[in-house]
């Protein structure tokens, strides 16, 4: 091959690469523009008042394309696929209880985004906010509304692999006292004090006593369900292979995602429920891999998100292993039920 031929081949390759890059940018730009257009066949959404104290409602992050994408919206809990009322408050992750909400938001900058956790009152007004050191992942509020917790990825961006790091914070919403990382707590593992550089926590869920919480602890390639004590500032391991726990309303069971051998590395989980008194596990009827912290609709029903055409859809399944999964709402994520 002559020098002239090599130059022609190189120039041709550069032209092809440039064309691919331009096409990719144009495609991404067009897709972003379409997200601002109302989704054909999507839910009917109108702006209005959204509160965290109206009983019988479900409040969640709307994922449907259009002017209200990412806003907190509400529907009757008995009609989750019905018309939506949208607020102007946008969240990446959300949860609420007893008139207190936590909203994990992106703060768009000229070069890159930063993130924050906003504590909301019953009318979705900001009470306080805290910096979040990475990409938001999980959010919870205690049943009394007195505590909020959130988890962010500070290295890596998926629970599926092993190369990730998380930071989990808890705040007293009454005083503003912040524990920026659960790594400050003393760990009791298998009955003995434990320290390790690779410890990660995620997925807090609170009990109703304003003292007890549960979460996932990961270390040395294993995950553990831990019980935490807000006053003693300790966490104690209870059970292995538990991720993203969610405490039932009666405080007796934990819904969680469990890694199951034989599943793909990027989708390794199935939903289970753990009886806290016996540590007996029950596999749920959802056959797909669920990467979510499930929400208890009541003592017998779980709600969770799975990927959908416009981000995610909400599904429900009985908590006793019976029945089958059922989609209840399209283009929705991060639900909270208002009692």
Protein backbone atom coordinates (compact mmCIF):
# COMPACT_ATOMS: atom_id res chain seq x y z
CA UNK A 1 0.00 0.00 0.00
CA UNK A 2 1.42 3.37 -1.05
CA UNK A 3 1.62 6.37 1.24
CA UNK A 4 -1.07 8.08 -0.82
CA UNK A 5 -3.41 5.08 -0.42
CA UNK A 6 -2.82 5.00 3.33
CA UNK A 7 -3.71 8.66 3.59
CA UNK A 8 -6.90 8.13 1.58
CA UNK A 9 -7.92 5.19 3.80
CA UNK A 10 -7.20 7.21 6.93
CA UNK A 11 -9.20 10.18 5.65
CA UNK A 12 -12.11 7.90 4.72
CA UNK A 13 -12.09 6.35 8.20
CA UNK A 14 -12.08 9.78 9.81
CA UNK A 15 -15.02 10.87 7.65
CA UNK A 16 -16.99 7.75 8.68
CA UNK A 17 -16.21 8.26 12.36
CA UNK A 18 -17.21 11.92 12.14
CA UNK A 19 -20.49 10.98 10.45
CA UNK A 20 -21.25 8.43 13.18
CA UNK A 21 -20.51 10.99 15.89
CA UNK A 22 -22.72 13.62 14.26
CA UNK A 23 -25.54 11.10 13.82
CA UNK A 24 -25.26 10.07 17.47
CA UNK A 25 -25.43 13.68 18.65
CA UNK A 26 -28.41 14.41 16.40
CA UNK A 27 -30.20 11.26 17.59
CA UNK A 28 -29.62 12.14 21.26
CA UNK A 29 -30.75 15.71 20.64
CA UNK A 30 -33.90 14.54 18.85
CA UNK A 31 -34.69 12.08 21.63
CA UNK A 32 -34.21 14.79 24.26
CA UNK A 33 -36.53 17.07 22.31
CA UNK A 34 -39.15 14.33 22.04
CA UNK A 35 -39.07 13.90 25.82
CA UNK A 36 -40.54 17.38 26.11
CA UNK A 37 -43.44 16.43 23.83
CA UNK A 38 -46.54 14.76 25.22
CA UNK A 39 -46.28 10.98 24.99
CA UNK A 40 -48.72 9.53 22.46
CA UNK A 41 -51.12 7.22 24.23
CA UNK A 42 -49.61 8.18 27.58
CA UNK A 43 -51.44 9.13 30.78
CA UNK A 44 -53.47 12.31 30.99
CA UNK A 45 -51.56 14.79 33.15
CA UNK A 46 -52.70 18.20 34.35
CA UNK A 47 -50.94 20.62 36.70
CA UNK A 48 -52.47 21.06 40.14
CA UNK A 49 -52.01 20.81 43.86
CA UNK A 50 -50.09 17.82 45.22
CA UNK A 51 -49.81 17.26 48.95
CA UNK A 52 -48.41 14.58 51.25
CA UNK A 53 -51.39 14.52 53.61
CA UNK A 54 -54.37 13.63 51.42
CA UNK A 55 -55.33 10.06 52.41
CA UNK A 56 -55.80 7.41 49.76
CA UNK A 57 -53.31 8.86 47.28
CA UNK A 58 -50.17 7.58 45.61
CA UNK A 59 -47.45 10.16 44.94
CA UNK A 60 -44.62 9.26 42.57
CA UNK A 61 -42.14 10.52 39.99
CA UNK A 62 -43.82 10.82 36.60
CA UNK A 63 -41.71 9.34 33.80
CA UNK A 64 -44.09 10.02 30.89
CA UNK A 65 -42.63 12.23 28.19
CA UNK A 66 -43.96 15.76 28.08
CA UNK A 67 -43.81 19.00 30.07
CA UNK A 68 -44.35 17.22 33.40
CA UNK A 69 -41.66 14.55 33.05
CA UNK A 70 -39.79 13.92 36.35
CA UNK A 71 -42.34 15.91 38.36
CA UNK A 72 -44.01 14.51 41.46
CA UNK A 73 -47.52 13.52 40.49
CA UNK A 74 -50.45 11.99 42.31
CA UNK A 75 -53.30 9.61 41.54
CA UNK A 76 -55.89 7.84 43.70
CA UNK A 77 -54.26 4.75 45.18
CA UNK A 78 -57.26 2.78 43.94
CA UNK A 79 -56.72 4.00 40.36
CA UNK A 80 -52.93 4.07 39.83
CA UNK A 81 -53.29 4.10 36.04
CA UNK A 82 -55.74 7.00 36.09
CA UNK A 83 -55.30 10.71 35.26
CA UNK A 84 -52.40 12.37 37.05
CA UNK A 85 -52.10 15.66 38.86
CA UNK A 86 -48.61 17.09 38.53
CA UNK A 87 -46.67 19.42 40.80
CA UNK A 88 -43.77 21.53 39.59
CA UNK A 89 -41.32 19.68 41.87
CA UNK A 90 -38.86 17.43 40.03
CA UNK A 91 -37.12 14.47 41.68
CA UNK A 92 -34.85 11.63 40.63
CA UNK A 93 -35.83 9.60 43.70
CA UNK A 94 -38.64 10.26 46.17
CA UNK A 95 -40.38 8.92 49.24
CA UNK A 96 -42.77 10.30 51.86
CA UNK A 97 -44.49 9.45 55.13
CA UNK A 98 -46.51 11.40 57.71
CA UNK A 99 -46.43 14.62 55.72
CA UNK A 100 -42.64 14.64 55.20
CA UNK A 101 -40.98 13.95 51.87
CA UNK A 102 -37.42 13.45 50.65
CA UNK A 103 -36.64 14.41 47.07
CA UNK A 104 -33.27 13.63 45.50
CA UNK A 105 -32.61 16.18 42.76
CA UNK A 106 -30.07 17.00 40.10
CA UNK A 107 -28.63 20.51 40.11
CA UNK A 108 -27.63 21.24 36.52
CA UNK A 109 -24.35 23.11 36.14
CA UNK A 110 -22.50 24.52 33.11
CA UNK A 111 -20.04 21.62 33.07
CA UNK A 112 -21.58 18.80 35.11
CA UNK A 113 -24.50 18.04 37.41
CA UNK A 114 -24.41 17.93 41.18
CA UNK A 115 -27.04 16.42 43.44
CA UNK A 116 -28.91 17.28 46.60
CA UNK A 117 -31.47 15.83 49.00
CA UNK A 118 -34.39 18.15 49.69
CA UNK A 119 -36.65 17.66 52.71
CA UNK A 120 -40.21 18.63 51.76
CA UNK A 121 -43.16 19.62 53.92
CA UNK A 122 -46.70 18.39 53.28
CA UNK A 123 -47.22 21.03 50.56
CA UNK A 124 -43.95 20.09 48.81
CA UNK A 125 -42.21 23.23 50.01
CA UNK A 126 -38.51 22.92 50.79
CA UNK A 127 -37.68 22.73 54.49
CA UNK A 128 -33.96 22.03 54.13
CA UNK A 129 -31.48 20.55 51.70
CA UNK A 130 -28.21 18.63 51.85
CA UNK A 131 -25.46 17.94 49.34
CA UNK A 132 -25.41 14.41 47.94
CA UNK A 133 -21.90 13.24 46.92
CA UNK A 134 -22.93 11.13 43.91
CA UNK A 135 -25.72 9.77 41.72
CA UNK A 136 -28.94 9.31 43.77
CA UNK A 137 -30.11 5.74 44.16
CA UNK A 138 -32.45 5.12 47.15
CA UNK A 139 -34.58 7.29 49.44
CA UNK A 140 -36.77 6.60 52.46
CA UNK A 141 -38.64 8.44 55.24
CA UNK A 142 -39.47 6.93 58.62
CA UNK A 143 -43.15 6.17 59.34
CA UNK A 144 -43.28 9.15 61.74
CA UNK A 145 -41.63 11.51 59.25
CA UNK A 146 -38.91 12.30 61.81
CA UNK A 147 -36.04 10.74 59.83
CA UNK A 148 -35.04 10.58 56.18
CA UNK A 149 -32.30 8.56 54.48
CA UNK A 150 -30.76 8.45 51.05
CA UNK A 151 -28.09 6.49 49.18
CA UNK A 152 -25.88 7.66 46.32
CA UNK A 153 -23.30 6.01 44.11
CA UNK A 154 -19.93 7.70 44.65
CA UNK A 155 -18.05 5.21 42.45
CA UNK A 156 -19.60 3.01 39.77
CA UNK A 157 -23.27 3.26 38.87
CA UNK A 158 -24.87 -0.15 39.34
CA UNK A 159 -25.45 -2.63 42.15
CA UNK A 160 -25.12 -5.49 39.69
CA UNK A 161 -21.32 -5.52 39.60
CA UNK A 162 -18.69 -5.42 42.31
CA UNK A 163 -16.86 -2.23 41.32
CA UNK A 164 -19.05 0.36 43.02
CA UNK A 165 -19.08 2.44 46.17
CA UNK A 166 -22.04 4.00 47.97
CA UNK A 167 -22.66 6.67 50.58
CA UNK A 168 -25.76 6.47 52.78
CA UNK A 169 -26.89 9.38 54.97
CA UNK A 170 -29.59 9.78 57.62
CA UNK A 171 -31.00 13.11 58.81
CA UNK A 172 -33.26 14.01 61.73
CA UNK A 173 -35.86 16.12 59.91
CA UNK A 174 -36.84 17.91 63.14
CA UNK A 175 -33.39 19.15 64.14
CA UNK A 176 -31.45 18.94 60.89
CA UNK A 177 -28.81 16.73 62.53
CA UNK A 178 -27.11 14.86 59.70
CA UNK A 179 -25.15 11.62 59.74
CA UNK A 180 -23.43 11.97 56.35
CA UNK A 181 -22.41 8.31 56.16
CA UNK A 182 -23.44 5.15 58.00
CA UNK A 183 -19.78 4.22 57.99
CA UNK A 184 -19.58 6.30 61.19
CA UNK A 185 -21.63 3.63 62.99
CA UNK A 186 -20.05 0.77 64.92
CA UNK A 187 -20.49 -2.57 63.14
CA UNK A 188 -21.27 -5.83 64.94
CA UNK A 189 -20.80 -8.68 62.45
CA UNK A 190 -21.53 -12.26 63.48
CA UNK A 191 -21.49 -11.13 67.11
CA UNK A 192 -18.11 -9.36 66.99
CA UNK A 193 -16.94 -5.79 66.32
CA UNK A 194 -15.96 -5.38 62.69
CA UNK A 195 -13.97 -2.86 60.67
CA UNK A 196 -12.99 -2.99 56.99
CA UNK A 197 -12.02 -0.48 54.33
CA UNK A 198 -14.44 -1.97 51.77
CA UNK A 199 -17.66 -1.49 53.78
CA UNK A 200 -20.65 -0.06 51.88
CA UNK A 201 -24.21 0.62 53.04
CA UNK A 202 -27.37 1.18 51.02
CA UNK A 203 -31.17 0.92 51.08
CA UNK A 204 -32.28 2.15 54.52
CA UNK A 205 -35.80 1.27 55.72
CA UNK A 206 -37.15 2.52 59.06
CA UNK A 207 -39.22 0.96 61.83
CA UNK A 208 -41.98 2.94 63.56
CA UNK A 209 -40.13 3.37 66.88
CA UNK A 210 -37.87 6.23 65.67
CA UNK A 211 -34.87 4.16 66.68
CA UNK A 212 -34.61 0.99 64.59
CA UNK A 213 -33.74 0.80 60.93
CA UNK A 214 -32.60 -1.86 58.49
CA UNK A 215 -30.23 -1.60 55.52
CA UNK A 216 -27.77 -3.54 53.38
CA UNK A 217 -24.10 -3.83 54.37
CA UNK A 218 -21.61 -5.11 51.82
CA UNK A 219 -18.07 -6.26 52.59
CA UNK A 220 -15.64 -8.84 51.19
CA UNK A 221 -17.97 -9.72 48.32
CA UNK A 222 -21.01 -10.49 50.49
CA UNK A 223 -24.14 -8.56 51.40
CA UNK A 224 -25.89 -8.62 54.76
CA UNK A 225 -29.16 -7.41 56.20
CA UNK A 226 -28.27 -5.20 59.15
CA UNK A 227 -30.41 -3.82 61.97
CA UNK A 228 -29.39 -0.33 63.00
CA UNK A 229 -29.88 1.60 66.23
CA UNK A 230 -30.12 5.37 65.79
CA UNK A 231 -29.41 6.06 69.47
CA UNK A 232 -26.57 3.61 70.05
CA UNK A 233 -25.18 4.32 66.55
CA UNK A 234 -24.59 0.64 65.90
CA UNK A 235 -25.47 -1.79 63.12
CA UNK A 236 -25.71 -5.55 63.59
CA UNK A 237 -25.71 -8.20 60.84
CA UNK A 238 -28.78 -10.48 60.74
CA UNK A 239 -28.87 -12.40 57.46
CA UNK A 240 -26.82 -12.83 54.28
CA UNK A 241 -27.60 -12.10 50.63
CA UNK A 242 -30.06 -9.26 51.28
CA UNK A 243 -30.15 -6.06 49.23
CA UNK A 244 -32.47 -3.03 49.32
CA UNK A 245 -34.62 -4.14 52.29
CA UNK A 246 -38.11 -2.77 52.85
CA UNK A 247 -39.85 -3.26 56.20
CA UNK A 248 -43.51 -4.29 56.16
CA UNK A 249 -46.06 -1.96 57.81
CA UNK A 250 -46.53 -4.42 60.68
CA UNK A 251 -42.76 -4.55 61.24
CA UNK A 252 -42.50 -8.34 60.96
CA UNK A 253 -41.08 -8.92 57.47
CA UNK A 254 -38.47 -7.56 55.09
CA UNK A 255 -38.98 -7.50 51.33
CA UNK A 256 -35.65 -7.56 49.51
CA UNK A 257 -33.86 -8.44 46.30
CA UNK A 258 -31.65 -11.52 46.42
CA UNK A 259 -28.85 -12.58 44.10
CA UNK A 260 -29.81 -15.91 42.56
CA UNK A 261 -27.16 -18.21 41.02
CA UNK A 262 -27.53 -18.72 37.29
CA UNK A 263 -29.03 -15.32 36.50
CA UNK A 264 -27.18 -12.86 34.21
CA UNK A 265 -24.49 -10.75 35.87
CA UNK A 266 -26.28 -7.53 34.94
CA UNK A 267 -29.67 -8.78 36.18
CA UNK A 268 -28.96 -11.12 39.10
CA UNK A 269 -31.89 -10.51 41.50
CA UNK A 270 -35.26 -11.97 42.40
CA UNK A 271 -37.69 -10.59 44.97
CA UNK A 272 -38.04 -12.35 48.32
CA UNK A 273 -39.67 -11.70 51.70
CA UNK A 274 -37.86 -12.53 54.96
CA UNK A 275 -39.73 -13.31 58.18
CA UNK A 276 -37.73 -11.50 60.87
CA UNK A 277 -38.75 -13.87 63.67
CA UNK A 278 -37.74 -17.10 61.88
CA UNK A 279 -35.42 -15.77 59.12
CA UNK A 280 -37.43 -17.90 56.68
CA UNK A 281 -37.32 -16.66 53.09
CA UNK A 282 -40.26 -16.72 50.67
CA UNK A 283 -39.66 -16.30 46.94
CA UNK A 284 -42.19 -14.02 45.26
CA UNK A 285 -43.98 -14.71 41.99
CA UNK A 286 -42.08 -12.09 39.97
CA UNK A 287 -39.82 -14.06 37.56
CA UNK A 288 -37.89 -11.02 36.25
CA UNK A 289 -34.85 -9.44 37.85
CA UNK A 290 -35.88 -6.47 40.01
CA UNK A 291 -33.37 -3.70 40.73
CA UNK A 292 -35.50 -1.63 43.09
CA UNK A 293 -36.29 -1.10 46.75
CA UNK A 294 -39.84 -2.40 46.83
CA UNK A 295 -42.63 -0.49 48.60
CA UNK A 296 -45.30 -2.14 50.73
CA UNK A 297 -48.77 -1.09 49.54
CA UNK A 298 -50.15 -2.81 52.63
CA UNK A 299 -49.20 -5.85 54.73
CA UNK A 300 -49.97 -8.17 51.82
CA UNK A 301 -48.87 -6.36 48.66
CA UNK A 302 -45.58 -5.09 47.23
CA UNK A 303 -45.04 -2.45 44.54
CA UNK A 304 -41.81 -2.08 42.56
CA UNK A 305 -40.45 -0.70 39.30
CA UNK A 306 -39.25 -2.53 36.21
CA UNK A 307 -37.80 -1.00 33.02
CA UNK A 308 -40.43 0.29 30.60
CA UNK A 309 -40.67 2.07 27.27
CA UNK A 310 -40.32 5.50 28.88
CA UNK A 311 -38.04 4.70 31.83
CA UNK A 312 -39.93 2.49 34.26
CA UNK A 313 -43.35 1.03 35.03
CA UNK A 314 -44.82 0.04 38.39
CA UNK A 315 -45.86 -3.54 39.16
CA UNK A 316 -47.47 -5.26 42.12
CA UNK A 317 -47.22 -8.79 43.48
CA UNK A 318 -48.55 -10.55 46.63
CA UNK A 319 -46.05 -10.75 49.50
CA UNK A 320 -46.75 -14.41 50.34
CA UNK A 321 -45.40 -15.91 47.11
CA UNK A 322 -48.82 -16.49 45.56
CA UNK A 323 -50.45 -14.91 42.52
CA UNK A 324 -48.58 -13.28 39.68
CA UNK A 325 -47.13 -9.83 38.94
CA UNK A 326 -49.39 -7.18 37.47
CA UNK A 327 -48.55 -3.81 35.96
CA UNK A 328 -50.45 -1.03 37.69
CA UNK A 329 -48.95 2.16 36.24
CA UNK A 330 -46.83 2.98 33.19
CA UNK A 331 -44.07 5.60 33.14
CA UNK A 332 -43.81 5.84 36.91
CA UNK A 333 -41.24 5.25 39.65
CA UNK A 334 -40.59 5.97 43.36
CA UNK A 335 -44.13 5.57 44.72
CA UNK A 336 -45.22 6.60 48.21
CA UNK A 337 -48.66 5.79 49.59
CA UNK A 338 -50.39 8.45 51.67
CA UNK A 339 -52.45 6.97 54.50
